[in-house]
Amino acid sequence: MAEHHSGPVEMGAPMDYAEHEKTYNFFLSATKYGTLFCVALLIAMAAAFFTTMGFFSSLVLFILINVAGFFFLR
């Protein structure tokens, strides 16, 4: 049978807002840099497949885009 409580219900441990902030900031950073990585990879692949750049030139382009992106996004 269901029990009836008349007082406040315990909801668990108190919230740790500092830890929530750290987790949220990590999520935002991971999303930002993950998106940078994917976009740089797509640009480098397009340069390798649709131009005469070749593998090594597109690899250098990929690295340069990532370095520039990390510089501008921090």
N, C-alpha and C. Protein backbone atom coordinates (compact mmCIF):
# COMPACT_ATOMS: atom_id res chain seq x y z
N MET A 1 0.82 -1.18 0.00
CA MET A 1 0.00 0.00 0.00
C MET A 1 0.87 1.25 0.00
N ALA A 2 0.33 2.31 -0.51
CA ALA A 2 1.06 3.57 -0.57
C ALA A 2 1.09 4.21 0.81
N GLU A 3 2.24 4.79 1.13
CA GLU A 3 2.37 5.49 2.40
C GLU A 3 2.12 6.98 2.18
N HIS A 4 1.52 7.62 3.14
CA HIS A 4 1.25 9.04 3.03
C HIS A 4 2.21 9.80 3.96
N HIS A 5 2.94 10.73 3.38
CA HIS A 5 3.87 11.55 4.15
C HIS A 5 3.33 12.96 4.23
N SER A 6 3.45 13.56 5.38
CA SER A 6 2.92 14.91 5.53
C SER A 6 4.01 15.98 5.53
N GLY A 7 5.28 15.60 5.64
CA GLY A 7 6.36 16.58 5.68
C GLY A 7 7.08 16.67 4.34
N PRO A 8 8.16 17.44 4.32
CA PRO A 8 8.92 17.57 3.07
C PRO A 8 9.60 16.25 2.70
N VAL A 9 9.67 15.99 1.44
CA VAL A 9 10.26 14.75 0.94
C VAL A 9 11.75 14.98 0.68
N GLU A 10 12.59 14.09 1.14
CA GLU A 10 14.03 14.18 0.92
C GLU A 10 14.31 13.87 -0.56
N MET A 11 15.01 14.78 -1.25
CA MET A 11 15.26 14.62 -2.68
C MET A 11 16.68 14.15 -2.96
N GLY A 12 17.46 13.78 -1.99
CA GLY A 12 18.81 13.32 -2.23
C GLY A 12 19.82 14.34 -1.75
N ALA A 13 21.03 14.19 -2.24
CA ALA A 13 22.12 15.07 -1.83
C ALA A 13 21.91 16.47 -2.37
N PRO A 14 22.43 17.48 -1.70
CA PRO A 14 22.33 18.85 -2.23
C PRO A 14 23.12 18.99 -3.53
N MET A 15 22.68 19.88 -4.36
CA MET A 15 23.31 20.07 -5.67
C MET A 15 24.69 20.69 -5.52
N ASP A 16 25.62 20.20 -6.33
CA ASP A 16 26.99 20.73 -6.36
C ASP A 16 27.11 21.59 -7.62
N TYR A 17 26.78 22.87 -7.49
CA TYR A 17 26.72 23.74 -8.65
C TYR A 17 28.08 24.00 -9.27
N ALA A 18 29.14 23.99 -8.49
CA ALA A 18 30.48 24.18 -9.05
C ALA A 18 30.83 23.01 -9.97
N GLU A 19 30.47 21.81 -9.57
CA GLU A 19 30.73 20.64 -10.41
C GLU A 19 29.87 20.66 -11.68
N HIS A 20 28.65 21.14 -11.56
CA HIS A 20 27.80 21.28 -12.74
C HIS A 20 28.40 22.28 -13.73
N GLU A 21 28.92 23.38 -13.22
CA GLU A 21 29.55 24.38 -14.09
C GLU A 21 30.76 23.79 -14.81
N LYS A 22 31.60 23.05 -14.09
CA LYS A 22 32.78 22.44 -14.71
C LYS A 22 32.38 21.45 -15.79
N THR A 23 31.36 20.65 -15.54
CA THR A 23 30.90 19.67 -16.52
C THR A 23 30.33 20.37 -17.75
N TYR A 24 29.54 21.41 -17.53
CA TYR A 24 28.95 22.15 -18.65
C TYR A 24 30.02 22.83 -19.49
N ASN A 25 31.01 23.44 -18.84
CA ASN A 25 32.10 24.08 -19.58
C ASN A 25 32.92 23.07 -20.36
N PHE A 26 33.14 21.87 -19.79
CA PHE A 26 33.84 20.82 -20.52
C PHE A 26 33.04 20.39 -21.74
N PHE A 27 31.72 20.23 -21.58
CA PHE A 27 30.87 19.85 -22.70
C PHE A 27 30.92 20.88 -23.81
N LEU A 28 30.86 22.16 -23.46
CA LEU A 28 30.94 23.21 -24.48
C LEU A 28 32.28 23.19 -25.21
N SER A 29 33.36 23.01 -24.47
CA SER A 29 34.69 22.96 -25.08
C SER A 29 34.82 21.75 -25.99
N ALA A 30 34.35 20.59 -25.53
CA ALA A 30 34.44 19.39 -26.35
C ALA A 30 33.62 19.52 -27.62
N THR A 31 32.46 20.14 -27.52
CA THR A 31 31.62 20.35 -28.69
C THR A 31 32.28 21.32 -29.66
N LYS A 32 32.84 22.39 -29.14
CA LYS A 32 33.49 23.40 -29.98
C LYS A 32 34.67 22.82 -30.73
N TYR A 33 35.56 22.14 -30.02
CA TYR A 33 36.76 21.60 -30.66
C TYR A 33 36.46 20.36 -31.49
N GLY A 34 35.44 19.60 -31.13
CA GLY A 34 35.02 18.48 -31.95
C GLY A 34 34.45 18.93 -33.28
N THR A 35 33.69 20.02 -33.26
CA THR A 35 33.16 20.59 -34.49
C THR A 35 34.29 21.13 -35.36
N LEU A 36 35.27 21.78 -34.75
CA LEU A 36 36.43 22.26 -35.49
C LEU A 36 37.15 21.11 -36.18
N PHE A 37 37.36 20.01 -35.46
CA PHE A 37 38.04 18.85 -36.02
C PHE A 37 37.28 18.29 -37.22
N CYS A 38 35.95 18.14 -37.09
CA CYS A 38 35.14 17.59 -38.17
C CYS A 38 35.14 18.49 -39.40
N VAL A 39 35.02 19.80 -39.19
CA VAL A 39 35.01 20.73 -40.31
C VAL A 39 36.37 20.74 -41.01
N ALA A 40 37.44 20.74 -40.24
CA ALA A 40 38.79 20.71 -40.83
C ALA A 40 39.00 19.43 -41.61
N LEU A 41 38.50 18.32 -41.09
CA LEU A 41 38.63 17.04 -41.79
C LEU A 41 37.86 17.06 -43.09
N LEU A 42 36.66 17.60 -43.09
CA LEU A 42 35.86 17.66 -44.32
C LEU A 42 36.51 18.56 -45.37
N ILE A 43 37.06 19.69 -44.93
CA ILE A 43 37.73 20.59 -45.88
C ILE A 43 38.97 19.92 -46.46
N ALA A 44 39.75 19.25 -45.62
CA ALA A 44 40.95 18.58 -46.10
C ALA A 44 40.61 17.42 -47.04
N MET A 45 39.55 16.69 -46.74
CA MET A 45 39.14 15.60 -47.63
C MET A 45 38.65 16.14 -48.97
N ALA A 46 37.91 17.22 -48.94
CA ALA A 46 37.46 17.82 -50.19
C ALA A 46 38.64 18.32 -51.00
N ALA A 47 39.63 18.90 -50.34
CA ALA A 47 40.81 19.38 -51.04
C ALA A 47 41.59 18.21 -51.65
N ALA A 48 41.64 17.09 -50.95
CA ALA A 48 42.39 15.94 -51.46
C ALA A 48 41.68 15.27 -52.63
N PHE A 49 40.37 15.15 -52.54
CA PHE A 49 39.63 14.39 -53.55
C PHE A 49 39.25 15.22 -54.78
N PHE A 50 39.01 16.50 -54.62
CA PHE A 50 38.48 17.29 -55.73
C PHE A 50 39.50 18.23 -56.35
N THR A 51 40.70 18.27 -55.83
CA THR A 51 41.76 19.07 -56.42
C THR A 51 42.97 18.17 -56.64
N THR A 52 44.05 18.75 -57.09
CA THR A 52 45.27 17.97 -57.32
C THR A 52 46.24 18.10 -56.15
N MET A 53 45.74 18.40 -54.96
CA MET A 53 46.61 18.59 -53.80
C MET A 53 47.29 17.30 -53.37
N GLY A 54 46.57 16.21 -53.33
CA GLY A 54 47.14 14.97 -52.88
C GLY A 54 47.00 14.79 -51.38
N PHE A 55 47.49 13.65 -50.90
CA PHE A 55 47.30 13.29 -49.49
C PHE A 55 48.11 14.17 -48.56
N PHE A 56 49.39 14.31 -48.83
CA PHE A 56 50.26 15.02 -47.88
C PHE A 56 49.95 16.51 -47.82
N SER A 57 49.62 17.11 -48.94
CA SER A 57 49.25 18.53 -48.93
C SER A 57 47.93 18.74 -48.17
N SER A 58 47.00 17.83 -48.34
CA SER A 58 45.74 17.98 -47.60
C SER A 58 45.95 17.69 -46.12
N LEU A 59 46.89 16.82 -45.77
CA LEU A 59 47.22 16.60 -44.37
C LEU A 59 47.79 17.86 -43.73
N VAL A 60 48.67 18.54 -44.47
CA VAL A 60 49.22 19.81 -43.98
C VAL A 60 48.10 20.84 -43.84
N LEU A 61 47.19 20.88 -44.80
CA LEU A 61 46.04 21.79 -44.72
C LEU A 61 45.19 21.48 -43.49
N PHE A 62 44.94 20.20 -43.22
CA PHE A 62 44.18 19.78 -42.05
C PHE A 62 44.84 20.26 -40.76
N ILE A 63 46.14 20.08 -40.67
CA ILE A 63 46.88 20.50 -39.47
C ILE A 63 46.83 22.02 -39.32
N LEU A 64 47.02 22.74 -40.41
CA LEU A 64 46.99 24.21 -40.36
C LEU A 64 45.61 24.73 -39.94
N ILE A 65 44.56 24.13 -40.47
CA ILE A 65 43.21 24.57 -40.10
C ILE A 65 42.96 24.32 -38.62
N ASN A 66 43.40 23.16 -38.12
CA ASN A 66 43.22 22.86 -36.70
C ASN A 66 44.01 23.82 -35.81
N VAL A 67 45.25 24.11 -36.18
CA VAL A 67 46.05 25.02 -35.38
C VAL A 67 45.43 26.42 -35.38
N ALA A 68 45.02 26.89 -36.54
CA ALA A 68 44.39 28.21 -36.62
C ALA A 68 43.07 28.23 -35.84
N GLY A 69 42.30 27.16 -35.95
CA GLY A 69 41.04 27.09 -35.22
C GLY A 69 41.23 27.09 -33.71
N PHE A 70 42.21 26.33 -33.23
CA PHE A 70 42.49 26.32 -31.79
C PHE A 70 42.93 27.71 -31.32
N PHE A 71 43.70 28.40 -32.16
CA PHE A 71 44.15 29.74 -31.80
C PHE A 71 42.96 30.71 -31.71
N PHE A 72 42.06 30.65 -32.70
CA PHE A 72 40.94 31.60 -32.73
C PHE A 72 39.81 31.24 -31.76
N LEU A 73 39.67 29.96 -31.40
CA LEU A 73 38.57 29.56 -30.55
C LEU A 73 38.86 29.60 -29.06
N ARG A 74 40.10 29.81 -28.66
CA ARG A 74 40.37 29.78 -27.22
C ARG A 74 39.96 31.05 -26.53
